[in-house]
């Protein structure tokens, strides 16, 4: 990940960083990019929002625009709710998947619910 631009925005309590990345595999998701940005900048992952990912057609390079906030409350006021949901959706699903039923009866109930839905 190479930083192309970095701009401090004190009135908005955030920093805007533009990266150029080169990955041999598929373009990573917003959550994967947020984790990478947080690790590189040394901040909490919950304070990073990936605004845009621009892949280059026919190339392995892509451009990423990220906002790093100093406060989660300000982030909630500044960013659209839909974008905030995109950053939360996968992590919430993973947490639900970790909460597997432990008893045989709960597993049977879950299986019958799946059959009814299909």
PDB file of N, CA and C in Angstrom:
ATOM      1  N   UNK A   1       0.840  -1.176   0.000  1.00  0.00           N
ATOM      2  CA  UNK A   1       0.000   0.000   0.000  1.00  0.00           C
ATOM      3  C   UNK A   1       0.886   1.239   0.000  1.00  0.00           C
ATOM      4  N   UNK A   2       0.696   2.054  -0.992  1.00  0.00           N
ATOM      5  CA  UNK A   2       1.482   3.275  -1.127  1.00  0.00           C
ATOM      6  C   UNK A   2       0.567   4.480  -0.931  1.00  0.00           C
ATOM      7  N   UNK A   3       0.959   5.392  -0.077  1.00  0.00           N
ATOM      8  CA  UNK A   3       0.155   6.591   0.178  1.00  0.00           C
ATOM      9  C   UNK A   3       0.408   7.601  -0.938  1.00  0.00           C
ATOM     10  N   UNK A   4      -0.671   7.987  -1.627  1.00  0.00           N
ATOM     11  CA  UNK A   4      -0.568   9.000  -2.671  1.00  0.00           C
ATOM     12  C   UNK A   4      -0.792  10.399  -2.100  1.00  0.00           C
ATOM     13  N   UNK A   5      -1.827  10.534  -1.252  1.00  0.00           N
ATOM     14  CA  UNK A   5      -2.148  11.820  -0.630  1.00  0.00           C
ATOM     15  C   UNK A   5      -2.555  11.583   0.816  1.00  0.00           C
ATOM     16  N   UNK A   6      -2.251  12.546   1.653  1.00  0.00           N
ATOM     17  CA  UNK A   6      -2.673  12.494   3.049  1.00  0.00           C
ATOM     18  C   UNK A   6      -3.013  13.914   3.469  1.00  0.00           C
ATOM     19  N   UNK A   7      -4.258  14.092   3.939  1.00  0.00           N
ATOM     20  CA  UNK A   7      -4.707  15.432   4.297  1.00  0.00           C
ATOM     21  C   UNK A   7      -5.392  15.399   5.652  1.00  0.00           C
ATOM     22  N   UNK A   8      -4.939  16.253   6.546  1.00  0.00           N
ATOM     23  CA  UNK A   8      -5.522  16.387   7.879  1.00  0.00           C
ATOM     24  C   UNK A   8      -6.709  17.348   7.776  1.00  0.00           C
ATOM     25  N   UNK A   9      -7.859  16.964   8.340  1.00  0.00           N
ATOM     26  CA  UNK A   9      -9.056  17.800   8.336  1.00  0.00           C
ATOM     27  C   UNK A   9      -9.501  18.027   9.785  1.00  0.00           C
ATOM     28  N   UNK A  10      -8.915  19.000  10.483  1.00  0.00           N
ATOM     29  CA  UNK A  10      -9.197  19.169  11.914  1.00  0.00           C
ATOM     30  C   UNK A  10     -10.643  19.573  12.221  1.00  0.00           C
ATOM     31  N   UNK A  11     -11.294  20.334  11.346  1.00  0.00           N
ATOM     32  CA  UNK A  11     -12.679  20.732  11.603  1.00  0.00           C
ATOM     33  C   UNK A  11     -13.643  19.555  11.544  1.00  0.00           C
ATOM     34  N   UNK A  12     -13.292  18.548  10.763  1.00  0.00           N
ATOM     35  CA  UNK A  12     -14.131  17.352  10.645  1.00  0.00           C
ATOM     36  C   UNK A  12     -13.630  16.215  11.528  1.00  0.00           C
ATOM     37  N   UNK A  13     -12.556  16.446  12.255  1.00  0.00           N
ATOM     38  CA  UNK A  13     -11.953  15.444  13.154  1.00  0.00           C
ATOM     39  C   UNK A  13     -11.582  14.160  12.422  1.00  0.00           C
ATOM     40  N   UNK A  14     -10.998  14.329  11.245  1.00  0.00           N
ATOM     41  CA  UNK A  14     -10.599  13.147  10.489  1.00  0.00           C
ATOM     42  C   UNK A  14      -9.377  13.435   9.635  1.00  0.00           C
ATOM     43  N   UNK A  15      -8.821  12.344   9.133  1.00  0.00           N
ATOM     44  CA  UNK A  15      -7.695  12.399   8.202  1.00  0.00           C
ATOM     45  C   UNK A  15      -8.130  11.645   6.952  1.00  0.00           C
ATOM     46  N   UNK A  16      -7.887  12.218   5.779  1.00  0.00           N
ATOM     47  CA  UNK A  16      -8.243  11.581   4.507  1.00  0.00           C
ATOM     48  C   UNK A  16      -6.955  11.098   3.849  1.00  0.00           C
ATOM     49  N   UNK A  17      -6.915   9.813   3.541  1.00  0.00           N
ATOM     50  CA  UNK A  17      -5.732   9.231   2.927  1.00  0.00           C
ATOM     51  C   UNK A  17      -6.131   8.530   1.636  1.00  0.00           C
ATOM     52  N   UNK A  18      -5.347   8.757   0.594  1.00  0.00           N
ATOM     53  CA  UNK A  18      -5.562   8.093  -0.690  1.00  0.00           C
ATOM     54  C   UNK A  18      -4.401   7.129  -0.898  1.00  0.00           C
ATOM     55  N   UNK A  19      -4.731   5.855  -1.081  1.00  0.00           N
ATOM     56  CA  UNK A  19      -3.738   4.800  -1.272  1.00  0.00           C
ATOM     57  C   UNK A  19      -3.806   4.269  -2.695  1.00  0.00           C
ATOM     58  N   UNK A  20      -2.681   3.746  -3.149  1.00  0.00           N
ATOM     59  CA  UNK A  20      -2.667   2.926  -4.358  1.00  0.00           C
ATOM     60  C   UNK A  20      -2.135   1.567  -3.941  1.00  0.00           C
ATOM     61  N   UNK A  21      -2.921   0.546  -4.231  1.00  0.00           N
ATOM     62  CA  UNK A  21      -2.577  -0.807  -3.811  1.00  0.00           C
ATOM     63  C   UNK A  21      -2.397  -1.691  -5.037  1.00  0.00           C
ATOM     64  N   UNK A  22      -1.586  -2.699  -4.880  1.00  0.00           N
ATOM     65  CA  UNK A  22      -1.354  -3.678  -5.941  1.00  0.00           C
ATOM     66  C   UNK A  22      -1.483  -5.066  -5.325  1.00  0.00           C
ATOM     67  N   UNK A  23      -2.540  -5.769  -5.704  1.00  0.00           N
ATOM     68  CA  UNK A  23      -2.816  -7.095  -5.164  1.00  0.00           C
ATOM     69  C   UNK A  23      -2.963  -8.061  -6.338  1.00  0.00           C
ATOM     70  N   UNK A  24      -2.334  -9.204  -6.224  1.00  0.00           N
ATOM     71  CA  UNK A  24      -2.386 -10.187  -7.308  1.00  0.00           C
ATOM     72  C   UNK A  24      -3.729 -10.919  -7.351  1.00  0.00           C
ATOM     73  N   UNK A  25      -4.437 -10.983  -6.229  1.00  0.00           N
ATOM     74  CA  UNK A  25      -5.723 -11.668  -6.163  1.00  0.00           C
ATOM     75  C   UNK A  25      -6.848 -10.666  -6.465  1.00  0.00           C
ATOM     76  N   UNK A  26      -8.059 -11.028  -6.114  1.00  0.00           N
ATOM     77  CA  UNK A  26      -9.212 -10.166  -6.325  1.00  0.00           C
ATOM     78  C   UNK A  26      -9.122  -8.922  -5.440  1.00  0.00           C
ATOM     79  N   UNK A  27      -9.860  -7.891  -5.826  1.00  0.00           N
ATOM     80  CA  UNK A  27      -9.906  -6.673  -5.036  1.00  0.00           C
ATOM     81  C   UNK A  27     -10.478  -6.984  -3.659  1.00  0.00           C
ATOM     82  N   UNK A  28      -9.799  -6.598  -2.593  1.00  0.00           N
ATOM     83  CA  UNK A  28     -10.282  -6.915  -1.243  1.00  0.00           C
ATOM     84  C   UNK A  28     -11.560  -6.156  -0.891  1.00  0.00           C
ATOM     85  N   UNK A  29     -12.269  -6.654   0.113  1.00  0.00           N
ATOM     86  CA  UNK A  29     -13.502  -6.013   0.556  1.00  0.00           C
ATOM     87  C   UNK A  29     -13.188  -4.759   1.366  1.00  0.00           C
ATOM     88  N   UNK A  30     -14.231  -3.993   1.670  1.00  0.00           N
ATOM     89  CA  UNK A  30     -14.065  -2.788   2.482  1.00  0.00           C
ATOM     90  C   UNK A  30     -13.508  -3.133   3.862  1.00  0.00           C
ATOM     91  N   UNK A  31     -14.002  -4.228   4.429  1.00  0.00           N
ATOM     92  CA  UNK A  31     -13.559  -4.607   5.775  1.00  0.00           C
ATOM     93  C   UNK A  31     -12.086  -5.005   5.779  1.00  0.00           C
ATOM     94  N   UNK A  32     -11.656  -5.739   4.766  1.00  0.00           N
ATOM     95  CA  UNK A  32     -10.243  -6.119   4.680  1.00  0.00           C
ATOM     96  C   UNK A  32      -9.353  -4.888   4.514  1.00  0.00           C
ATOM     97  N   UNK A  33      -9.809  -3.946   3.689  1.00  0.00           N
ATOM     98  CA  UNK A  33      -9.037  -2.724   3.490  1.00  0.00           C
ATOM     99  C   UNK A  33      -9.012  -1.883   4.762  1.00  0.00           C
ATOM    100  N   UNK A  34     -10.134  -1.834   5.479  1.00  0.00           N
ATOM    101  CA  UNK A  34     -10.183  -1.057   6.726  1.00  0.00           C
ATOM    102  C   UNK A  34      -9.211  -1.632   7.751  1.00  0.00           C
ATOM    103  N   UNK A  35      -9.124  -2.962   7.809  1.00  0.00           N
ATOM    104  CA  UNK A  35      -8.178  -3.597   8.729  1.00  0.00           C
ATOM    105  C   UNK A  35      -6.744  -3.258   8.353  1.00  0.00           C
ATOM    106  N   UNK A  36      -6.437  -3.279   7.053  1.00  0.00           N
ATOM    107  CA  UNK A  36      -5.085  -2.982   6.591  1.00  0.00           C
ATOM    108  C   UNK A  36      -4.708  -1.524   6.869  1.00  0.00           C
ATOM    109  N   UNK A  37      -5.649  -0.607   6.630  1.00  0.00           N
ATOM    110  CA  UNK A  37      -5.388   0.814   6.888  1.00  0.00           C
ATOM    111  C   UNK A  37      -5.191   1.049   8.381  1.00  0.00           C
ATOM    112  N   UNK A  38      -6.048   0.441   9.198  1.00  0.00           N
ATOM    113  CA  UNK A  38      -5.939   0.607  10.652  1.00  0.00           C
ATOM    114  C   UNK A  38      -4.599   0.088  11.159  1.00  0.00           C
ATOM    115  N   UNK A  39      -4.170  -1.044  10.622  1.00  0.00           N
ATOM    116  CA  UNK A  39      -2.883  -1.618  11.044  1.00  0.00           C
ATOM    117  C   UNK A  39      -1.724  -0.710  10.642  1.00  0.00           C
ATOM    118  N   UNK A  40      -1.767  -0.188   9.422  1.00  0.00           N
ATOM    119  CA  UNK A  40      -0.683   0.661   8.942  1.00  0.00           C
ATOM    120  C   UNK A  40      -0.626   1.990   9.705  1.00  0.00           C
ATOM    121  N   UNK A  41      -1.798   2.566  10.008  1.00  0.00           N
ATOM    122  CA  UNK A  41      -1.834   3.867  10.681  1.00  0.00           C
ATOM    123  C   UNK A  41      -1.780   3.753  12.199  1.00  0.00           C
ATOM    124  N   UNK A  42      -1.947   2.545  12.733  1.00  0.00           N
ATOM    125  CA  UNK A  42      -1.884   2.338  14.171  1.00  0.00           C
ATOM    126  C   UNK A  42      -3.095   2.875  14.913  1.00  0.00           C
ATOM    127  N   UNK A  43      -4.276   2.724  14.318  1.00  0.00           N
ATOM    128  CA  UNK A  43      -5.519   3.184  14.943  1.00  0.00           C
ATOM    129  C   UNK A  43      -6.486   2.022  15.084  1.00  0.00           C
ATOM    130  N   UNK A  44      -7.584   2.273  15.800  1.00  0.00           N
ATOM    131  CA  UNK A  44      -8.621   1.263  15.980  1.00  0.00           C
ATOM    132  C   UNK A  44      -9.372   1.061  14.670  1.00  0.00           C
ATOM    133  N   UNK A  45      -9.705  -0.171  14.342  1.00  0.00           N
ATOM    134  CA  UNK A  45     -10.394  -0.494  13.107  1.00  0.00           C
ATOM    135  C   UNK A  45     -11.784   0.158  13.024  1.00  0.00           C
ATOM    136  N   UNK A  46     -12.415   0.389  14.160  1.00  0.00           N
ATOM    137  CA  UNK A  46     -13.751   0.988  14.173  1.00  0.00           C
ATOM    138  C   UNK A  46     -13.743   2.465  13.796  1.00  0.00           C
ATOM    139  N   UNK A  47     -12.580   3.098  13.757  1.00  0.00           N
ATOM    140  CA  UNK A  47     -12.483   4.508  13.399  1.00  0.00           C
ATOM    141  C   UNK A  47     -12.132   4.725  11.926  1.00  0.00           C
ATOM    142  N   UNK A  48     -12.009   3.643  11.162  1.00  0.00           N
ATOM    143  CA  UNK A  48     -11.627   3.732   9.755  1.00  0.00           C
ATOM    144  C   UNK A  48     -12.839   3.470   8.872  1.00  0.00           C
ATOM    145  N   UNK A  49     -13.061   4.366   7.917  1.00  0.00           N
ATOM    146  CA  UNK A  49     -14.123   4.202   6.927  1.00  0.00           C
ATOM    147  C   UNK A  49     -13.477   4.220   5.542  1.00  0.00           C
ATOM    148  N   UNK A  50     -13.798   3.220   4.745  1.00  0.00           N
ATOM    149  CA  UNK A  50     -13.333   3.179   3.358  1.00  0.00           C
ATOM    150  C   UNK A  50     -14.415   3.833   2.505  1.00  0.00           C
ATOM    151  N   UNK A  51     -14.123   5.010   1.985  1.00  0.00           N
ATOM    152  CA  UNK A  51     -15.107   5.746   1.190  1.00  0.00           C
ATOM    153  C   UNK A  51     -15.279   5.121  -0.193  1.00  0.00           C
ATOM    154  N   UNK A  52     -14.173   4.860  -0.880  1.00  0.00           N
ATOM    155  CA  UNK A  52     -14.247   4.342  -2.242  1.00  0.00           C
ATOM    156  C   UNK A  52     -13.107   3.370  -2.508  1.00  0.00           C
ATOM    157  N   UNK A  53     -13.383   2.398  -3.362  1.00  0.00           N
ATOM    158  CA  UNK A  53     -12.351   1.519  -3.906  1.00  0.00           C
ATOM    159  C   UNK A  53     -12.511   1.582  -5.418  1.00  0.00           C
ATOM    160  N   UNK A  54     -11.493   2.057  -6.095  1.00  0.00           N
ATOM    161  CA  UNK A  54     -11.518   2.211  -7.543  1.00  0.00           C
ATOM    162  C   UNK A  54     -10.553   1.220  -8.193  1.00  0.00           C
ATOM    163  N   UNK A  55     -11.043   0.075  -8.674  1.00  0.00           N
ATOM    164  CA  UNK A  55     -10.145  -0.851  -9.373  1.00  0.00           C
ATOM    165  C   UNK A  55      -9.854  -0.335 -10.785  1.00  0.00           C
ATOM    166  N   UNK A  56      -8.673  -0.655 -11.276  1.00  0.00           N
ATOM    167  CA  UNK A  56      -8.299  -0.277 -12.643  1.00  0.00           C
ATOM    168  C   UNK A  56      -8.547  -1.477 -13.545  1.00  0.00           C
ATOM    169  N   UNK A  57      -9.312  -1.272 -14.583  1.00  0.00           N
ATOM    170  CA  UNK A  57      -9.692  -2.361 -15.476  1.00  0.00           C
ATOM    171  C   UNK A  57      -8.462  -2.976 -16.135  1.00  0.00           C
ATOM    172  N   UNK A  58      -8.376  -4.296 -16.049  1.00  0.00           N
ATOM    173  CA  UNK A  58      -7.292  -5.024 -16.680  1.00  0.00           C
ATOM    174  C   UNK A  58      -5.966  -4.918 -15.951  1.00  0.00           C
ATOM    175  N   UNK A  59      -5.973  -4.431 -14.734  1.00  0.00           N
ATOM    176  CA  UNK A  59      -4.738  -4.259 -13.977  1.00  0.00           C
ATOM    177  C   UNK A  59      -4.959  -4.751 -12.549  1.00  0.00           C
ATOM    178  N   UNK A  60      -3.890  -5.028 -11.850  1.00  0.00           N
ATOM    179  CA  UNK A  60      -4.006  -5.506 -10.476  1.00  0.00           C
ATOM    180  C   UNK A  60      -3.992  -4.351  -9.475  1.00  0.00           C
ATOM    181  N   UNK A  61      -3.844  -3.121  -9.953  1.00  0.00           N
ATOM    182  CA  UNK A  61      -3.791  -1.965  -9.070  1.00  0.00           C
ATOM    183  C   UNK A  61      -5.195  -1.397  -8.844  1.00  0.00           C
ATOM    184  N   UNK A  62      -5.371  -0.790  -7.684  1.00  0.00           N
ATOM    185  CA  UNK A  62      -6.610  -0.085  -7.395  1.00  0.00           C
ATOM    186  C   UNK A  62      -6.317   1.046  -6.428  1.00  0.00           C
ATOM    187  N   UNK A  63      -7.210   2.037  -6.432  1.00  0.00           N
ATOM    188  CA  UNK A  63      -7.052   3.203  -5.579  1.00  0.00           C
ATOM    189  C   UNK A  63      -8.099   3.138  -4.470  1.00  0.00           C
ATOM    190  N   UNK A  64      -7.702   3.500  -3.257  1.00  0.00           N
ATOM    191  CA  UNK A  64      -8.584   3.460  -2.090  1.00  0.00           C
ATOM    192  C   UNK A  64      -8.574   4.826  -1.421  1.00  0.00           C
ATOM    193  N   UNK A  65      -9.766   5.330  -1.097  1.00  0.00           N
ATOM    194  CA  UNK A  65      -9.895   6.562  -0.328  1.00  0.00           C
ATOM    195  C   UNK A  65     -10.443   6.184   1.036  1.00  0.00           C
ATOM    196  N   UNK A  66      -9.687   6.522   2.084  1.00  0.00           N
ATOM    197  CA  UNK A  66     -10.054   6.156   3.448  1.00  0.00           C
ATOM    198  C   UNK A  66     -10.129   7.396   4.329  1.00  0.00           C
ATOM    199  N   UNK A  67     -11.096   7.376   5.256  1.00  0.00           N
ATOM    200  CA  UNK A  67     -11.196   8.411   6.278  1.00  0.00           C
ATOM    201  C   UNK A  67     -10.892   7.776   7.622  1.00  0.00           C
ATOM    202  N   UNK A  68     -10.029   8.413   8.393  1.00  0.00           N
ATOM    203  CA  UNK A  68      -9.702   7.950   9.740  1.00  0.00           C
ATOM    204  C   UNK A  68     -10.172   9.022  10.716  1.00  0.00           C
ATOM    205  N   UNK A  69     -11.133   8.666  11.545  1.00  0.00           N
ATOM    206  CA  UNK A  69     -11.719   9.613  12.489  1.00  0.00           C
ATOM    207  C   UNK A  69     -11.026   9.523  13.839  1.00  0.00           C
ATOM    208  N   UNK A  70     -11.084  10.632  14.569  1.00  0.00           N
ATOM    209  CA  UNK A  70     -10.521  10.649  15.915  1.00  0.00           C
ATOM    210  C   UNK A  70     -11.565  10.271  16.960  1.00  0.00           C
ATOM    211  N   UNK A  71     -12.855  10.326  16.596  1.00  0.00           N
ATOM    212  CA  UNK A  71     -13.935  10.042  17.522  1.00  0.00           C
ATOM    213  C   UNK A  71     -15.059   9.301  16.794  1.00  0.00           C
ATOM    214  N   UNK A  72     -15.568   8.254  17.406  1.00  0.00           N
ATOM    215  CA  UNK A  72     -16.619   7.452  16.784  1.00  0.00           C
ATOM    216  C   UNK A  72     -17.936   8.219  16.677  1.00  0.00           C
ATOM    217  N   UNK A  73     -18.204   9.093  17.619  1.00  0.00           N
ATOM    218  CA  UNK A  73     -19.435   9.880  17.592  1.00  0.00           C
ATOM    219  C   UNK A  73     -19.439  10.828  16.391  1.00  0.00           C
ATOM    220  N   UNK A  74     -18.319  11.470  16.126  1.00  0.00           N
ATOM    221  CA  UNK A  74     -18.200  12.368  14.978  1.00  0.00           C
ATOM    222  C   UNK A  74     -18.352  11.570  13.687  1.00  0.00           C
ATOM    223  N   UNK A  75     -17.780  10.381  13.653  1.00  0.00           N
ATOM    224  CA  UNK A  75     -17.896   9.523  12.479  1.00  0.00           C
ATOM    225  C   UNK A  75     -19.365   9.208  12.195  1.00  0.00           C
ATOM    226  N   UNK A  76     -20.131   8.927  13.237  1.00  0.00           N
ATOM    227  CA  UNK A  76     -21.548   8.631  13.068  1.00  0.00           C
ATOM    228  C   UNK A  76     -22.340   9.807  12.540  1.00  0.00           C
ATOM    229  N   UNK A  77     -21.911  11.029  12.856  1.00  0.00           N
ATOM    230  CA  UNK A  77     -22.593  12.227  12.375  1.00  0.00           C
ATOM    231  C   UNK A  77     -22.198  12.583  10.951  1.00  0.00           C
ATOM    232  N   UNK A  78     -20.955  12.309  10.573  1.00  0.00           N
ATOM    233  CA  UNK A  78     -20.445  12.757   9.281  1.00  0.00           C
ATOM    234  C   UNK A  78     -20.717  11.784   8.136  1.00  0.00           C
ATOM    235  N   UNK A  79     -20.631  10.502   8.406  1.00  0.00           N
ATOM    236  CA  UNK A  79     -20.764   9.507   7.346  1.00  0.00           C
ATOM    237  C   UNK A  79     -22.225   9.083   7.179  1.00  0.00           C
ATOM    238  N   UNK A  80     -22.635   8.776   5.942  1.00  0.00           N
ATOM    239  CA  UNK A  80     -24.000   8.298   5.713  1.00  0.00           C
ATOM    240  C   UNK A  80     -24.243   6.956   6.412  1.00  0.00           C
ATOM    241  N   UNK A  81     -25.472   6.752   6.856  1.00  0.00           N
ATOM    242  CA  UNK A  81     -25.807   5.520   7.581  1.00  0.00           C
ATOM    243  C   UNK A  81     -25.569   4.279   6.724  1.00  0.00           C
ATOM    244  N   UNK A  82     -25.845   4.387   5.445  1.00  0.00           N
ATOM    245  CA  UNK A  82     -25.666   3.243   4.549  1.00  0.00           C
ATOM    246  C   UNK A  82     -24.201   2.806   4.499  1.00  0.00           C
ATOM    247  N   UNK A  83     -23.294   3.760   4.483  1.00  0.00           N
ATOM    248  CA  UNK A  83     -21.865   3.436   4.459  1.00  0.00           C
ATOM    249  C   UNK A  83     -21.424   2.829   5.785  1.00  0.00           C
ATOM    250  N   UNK A  84     -21.957   3.338   6.882  1.00  0.00           N
ATOM    251  CA  UNK A  84     -21.633   2.759   8.195  1.00  0.00           C
ATOM    252  C   UNK A  84     -22.132   1.319   8.295  1.00  0.00           C
ATOM    253  N   UNK A  85     -23.299   1.042   7.710  1.00  0.00           N
ATOM    254  CA  UNK A  85     -23.848  -0.317   7.727  1.00  0.00           C
ATOM    255  C   UNK A  85     -22.976  -1.273   6.925  1.00  0.00           C
ATOM    256  N   UNK A  86     -22.394  -0.789   5.836  1.00  0.00           N
ATOM    257  CA  UNK A  86     -21.520  -1.643   5.027  1.00  0.00           C
ATOM    258  C   UNK A  86     -20.295  -2.086   5.816  1.00  0.00           C
ATOM    259  N   UNK A  87     -19.833  -1.250   6.714  1.00  0.00           N
ATOM    260  CA  UNK A  87     -18.664  -1.596   7.515  1.00  0.00           C
ATOM    261  C   UNK A  87     -19.007  -2.483   8.697  1.00  0.00           C
ATOM    262  N   UNK A  88     -20.273  -2.538   9.091  1.00  0.00           N
ATOM    263  CA  UNK A  88     -20.687  -3.346  10.233  1.00  0.00           C
ATOM    264  C   UNK A  88     -21.282  -4.686   9.827  1.00  0.00           C
ATOM    265  N   UNK A  89     -21.885  -4.781   8.673  1.00  0.00           N
ATOM    266  CA  UNK A  89     -22.688  -5.943   8.291  1.00  0.00           C
ATOM    267  C   UNK A  89     -21.941  -7.260   8.415  1.00  0.00           C
ATOM    268  N   UNK A  90     -20.769  -7.353   7.877  1.00  0.00           N
ATOM    269  CA  UNK A  90     -20.030  -8.615   7.883  1.00  0.00           C
ATOM    270  C   UNK A  90     -19.579  -9.000   9.290  1.00  0.00           C
ATOM    271  N   UNK A  91     -19.154  -8.037  10.083  1.00  0.00           N
ATOM    272  CA  UNK A  91     -18.681  -8.362  11.420  1.00  0.00           C
ATOM    273  C   UNK A  91     -19.829  -8.851  12.294  1.00  0.00           C
ATOM    274  N   UNK A  92     -21.027  -8.294  12.115  1.00  0.00           N
ATOM    275  CA  UNK A  92     -22.183  -8.752  12.882  1.00  0.00           C
ATOM    276  C   UNK A  92     -22.568 -10.175  12.495  1.00  0.00           C
ATOM    277  N   UNK A  93     -22.484 -10.502  11.203  1.00  0.00           N
ATOM    278  CA  UNK A  93     -22.808 -11.852  10.750  1.00  0.00           C
ATOM    279  C   UNK A  93     -21.810 -12.863  11.300  1.00  0.00           C
ATOM    280  N   UNK A  94     -20.544 -12.480  11.363  1.00  0.00           N
ATOM    281  CA  UNK A  94     -19.520 -13.381  11.894  1.00  0.00           C
ATOM    282  C   UNK A  94     -19.761 -13.652  13.376  1.00  0.00           C
ATOM    283  N   UNK A  95     -20.173 -12.615  14.115  1.00  0.00           N
ATOM    284  CA  UNK A  95     -20.450 -12.797  15.536  1.00  0.00           C
ATOM    285  C   UNK A  95     -21.639 -13.734  15.739  1.00  0.00           C
ATOM    286  N   UNK A  96     -22.653 -13.607  14.892  1.00  0.00           N
ATOM    287  CA  UNK A  96     -23.808 -14.492  14.992  1.00  0.00           C
ATOM    288  C   UNK A  96     -23.424 -15.923  14.653  1.00  0.00           C
ATOM    289  N   UNK A  97     -22.522 -16.087  13.700  1.00  0.00           N
ATOM    290  CA  UNK A  97     -22.084 -17.432  13.314  1.00  0.00           C
ATOM    291  C   UNK A  97     -21.300 -18.095  14.439  1.00  0.00           C
ATOM    292  N   UNK A  98     -20.584 -17.289  15.219  1.00  0.00           N
ATOM    293  CA  UNK A  98     -19.823 -17.839  16.336  1.00  0.00           C
ATOM    294  C   UNK A  98     -20.738 -18.344  17.445  1.00  0.00           C
ATOM    295  N   UNK A  99     -21.920 -17.752  17.551  1.00  0.00           N
ATOM    296  CA  UNK A  99     -22.874 -18.138  18.583  1.00  0.00           C
ATOM    297  C   UNK A  99     -23.702 -19.329  18.113  1.00  0.00           C
ATOM    298  N   UNK A 100     -23.076 -20.435  17.889  1.00  0.00           N
ATOM    299  CA  UNK A 100     -23.746 -21.656  17.438  1.00  0.00           C
ATOM    300  C   UNK A 100     -24.509 -22.289  18.601  1.00  0.00           C
ATOM    301  N   UNK A 101     -25.648 -22.929  18.300  1.00  0.00           N
ATOM    302  CA  UNK A 101     -26.362 -23.641  19.358  1.00  0.00           C
ATOM    303  C   UNK A 101     -25.541 -24.821  19.853  1.00  0.00           C
ATOM    304  N   UNK A 102     -25.621 -25.058  21.143  1.00  0.00           N
ATOM    305  CA  UNK A 102     -24.789 -26.094  21.730  1.00  0.00           C
ATOM    306  C   UNK A 102     -25.549 -27.380  22.014  1.00  0.00           C
ATOM    307  N   UNK A 103     -26.837 -27.304  22.272  1.00  0.00           N
ATOM    308  CA  UNK A 103     -27.581 -28.519  22.591  1.00  0.00           C
ATOM    309  C   UNK A 103     -28.143 -29.137  21.325  1.00  0.00           C
ATOM    310  N   UNK A 104     -28.445 -30.430  21.382  1.00  0.00           N
ATOM    311  CA  UNK A 104     -28.989 -31.148  20.229  1.00  0.00           C
ATOM    312  C   UNK A 104     -30.358 -30.600  19.824  1.00  0.00           C
ATOM    313  N   UNK A 105     -31.160 -30.216  20.808  1.00  0.00           N
ATOM    314  CA  UNK A 105     -32.489 -29.692  20.511  1.00  0.00           C
ATOM    315  C   UNK A 105     -32.400 -28.380  19.736  1.00  0.00           C
ATOM    316  N   UNK A 106     -31.483 -27.501  20.110  1.00  0.00           N
ATOM    317  CA  UNK A 106     -31.330 -26.230  19.412  1.00  0.00           C
ATOM    318  C   UNK A 106     -30.846 -26.451  17.984  1.00  0.00           C
ATOM    319  N   UNK A 107     -29.977 -27.430  17.785  1.00  0.00           N
ATOM    320  CA  UNK A 107     -29.480 -27.732  16.443  1.00  0.00           C
ATOM    321  C   UNK A 107     -30.621 -28.253  15.578  1.00  0.00           C
ATOM    322  N   UNK A 108     -31.482 -29.129  16.134  1.00  0.00           N
ATOM    323  CA  UNK A 108     -32.626 -29.654  15.382  1.00  0.00           C
ATOM    324  C   UNK A 108     -33.599 -28.539  15.028  1.00  0.00           C
ATOM    325  N   UNK A 109     -33.854 -27.609  15.963  1.00  0.00           N
ATOM    326  CA  UNK A 109     -34.740 -26.488  15.696  1.00  0.00           C
ATOM    327  C   UNK A 109     -34.183 -25.609  14.582  1.00  0.00           C
ATOM    328  N   UNK A 110     -32.880 -25.372  14.607  1.00  0.00           N
ATOM    329  CA  UNK A 110     -32.247 -24.549  13.575  1.00  0.00           C
ATOM    330  C   UNK A 110     -32.350 -25.229  12.210  1.00  0.00           C
ATOM    331  N   UNK A 111     -32.176 -26.549  12.154  1.00  0.00           N
ATOM    332  CA  UNK A 111     -32.278 -27.286  10.901  1.00  0.00           C
ATOM    333  C   UNK A 111     -33.693 -27.224  10.338  1.00  0.00           C
ATOM    334  N   UNK A 112     -34.697 -27.356  11.197  1.00  0.00           N
ATOM    335  CA  UNK A 112     -36.087 -27.293  10.708  1.00  0.00           C
ATOM    336  C   UNK A 112     -36.423 -25.891  10.221  1.00  0.00           C
ATOM    337  N   UNK A 113     -35.890 -24.866  10.856  1.00  0.00           N
ATOM    338  CA  UNK A 113     -36.113 -23.490  10.381  1.00  0.00           C
ATOM    339  C   UNK A 113     -35.511 -23.297   9.009  1.00  0.00           C
ATOM    340  N   UNK A 114     -34.337 -23.851   8.764  1.00  0.00           N
ATOM    341  CA  UNK A 114     -33.708 -23.726   7.457  1.00  0.00           C
ATOM    342  C   UNK A 114     -34.521 -24.439   6.394  1.00  0.00           C
ATOM    343  N   UNK A 115     -35.071 -25.607   6.714  1.00  0.00           N
ATOM    344  CA  UNK A 115     -35.874 -26.367   5.762  1.00  0.00           C
ATOM    345  C   UNK A 115     -37.144 -25.621   5.404  1.00  0.00           C
ATOM    346  N   UNK A 116     -37.742 -24.964   6.394  1.00  0.00           N
ATOM    347  CA  UNK A 116     -38.984 -24.228   6.152  1.00  0.00           C
ATOM    348  C   UNK A 116     -38.717 -23.029   5.260  1.00  0.00           C
ATOM    349  N   UNK A 117     -37.606 -22.350   5.431  1.00  0.00           N
ATOM    350  CA  UNK A 117     -37.265 -21.169   4.640  1.00  0.00           C
ATOM    351  C   UNK A 117     -37.029 -21.527   3.181  1.00  0.00           C
ATOM    352  N   UNK A 118     -36.482 -22.699   2.922  1.00  0.00           N
ATOM    353  CA  UNK A 118     -36.139 -23.091   1.553  1.00  0.00           C
ATOM    354  C   UNK A 118     -37.370 -23.551   0.876  1.00  0.00           C
TER     355      UNK A 118
END
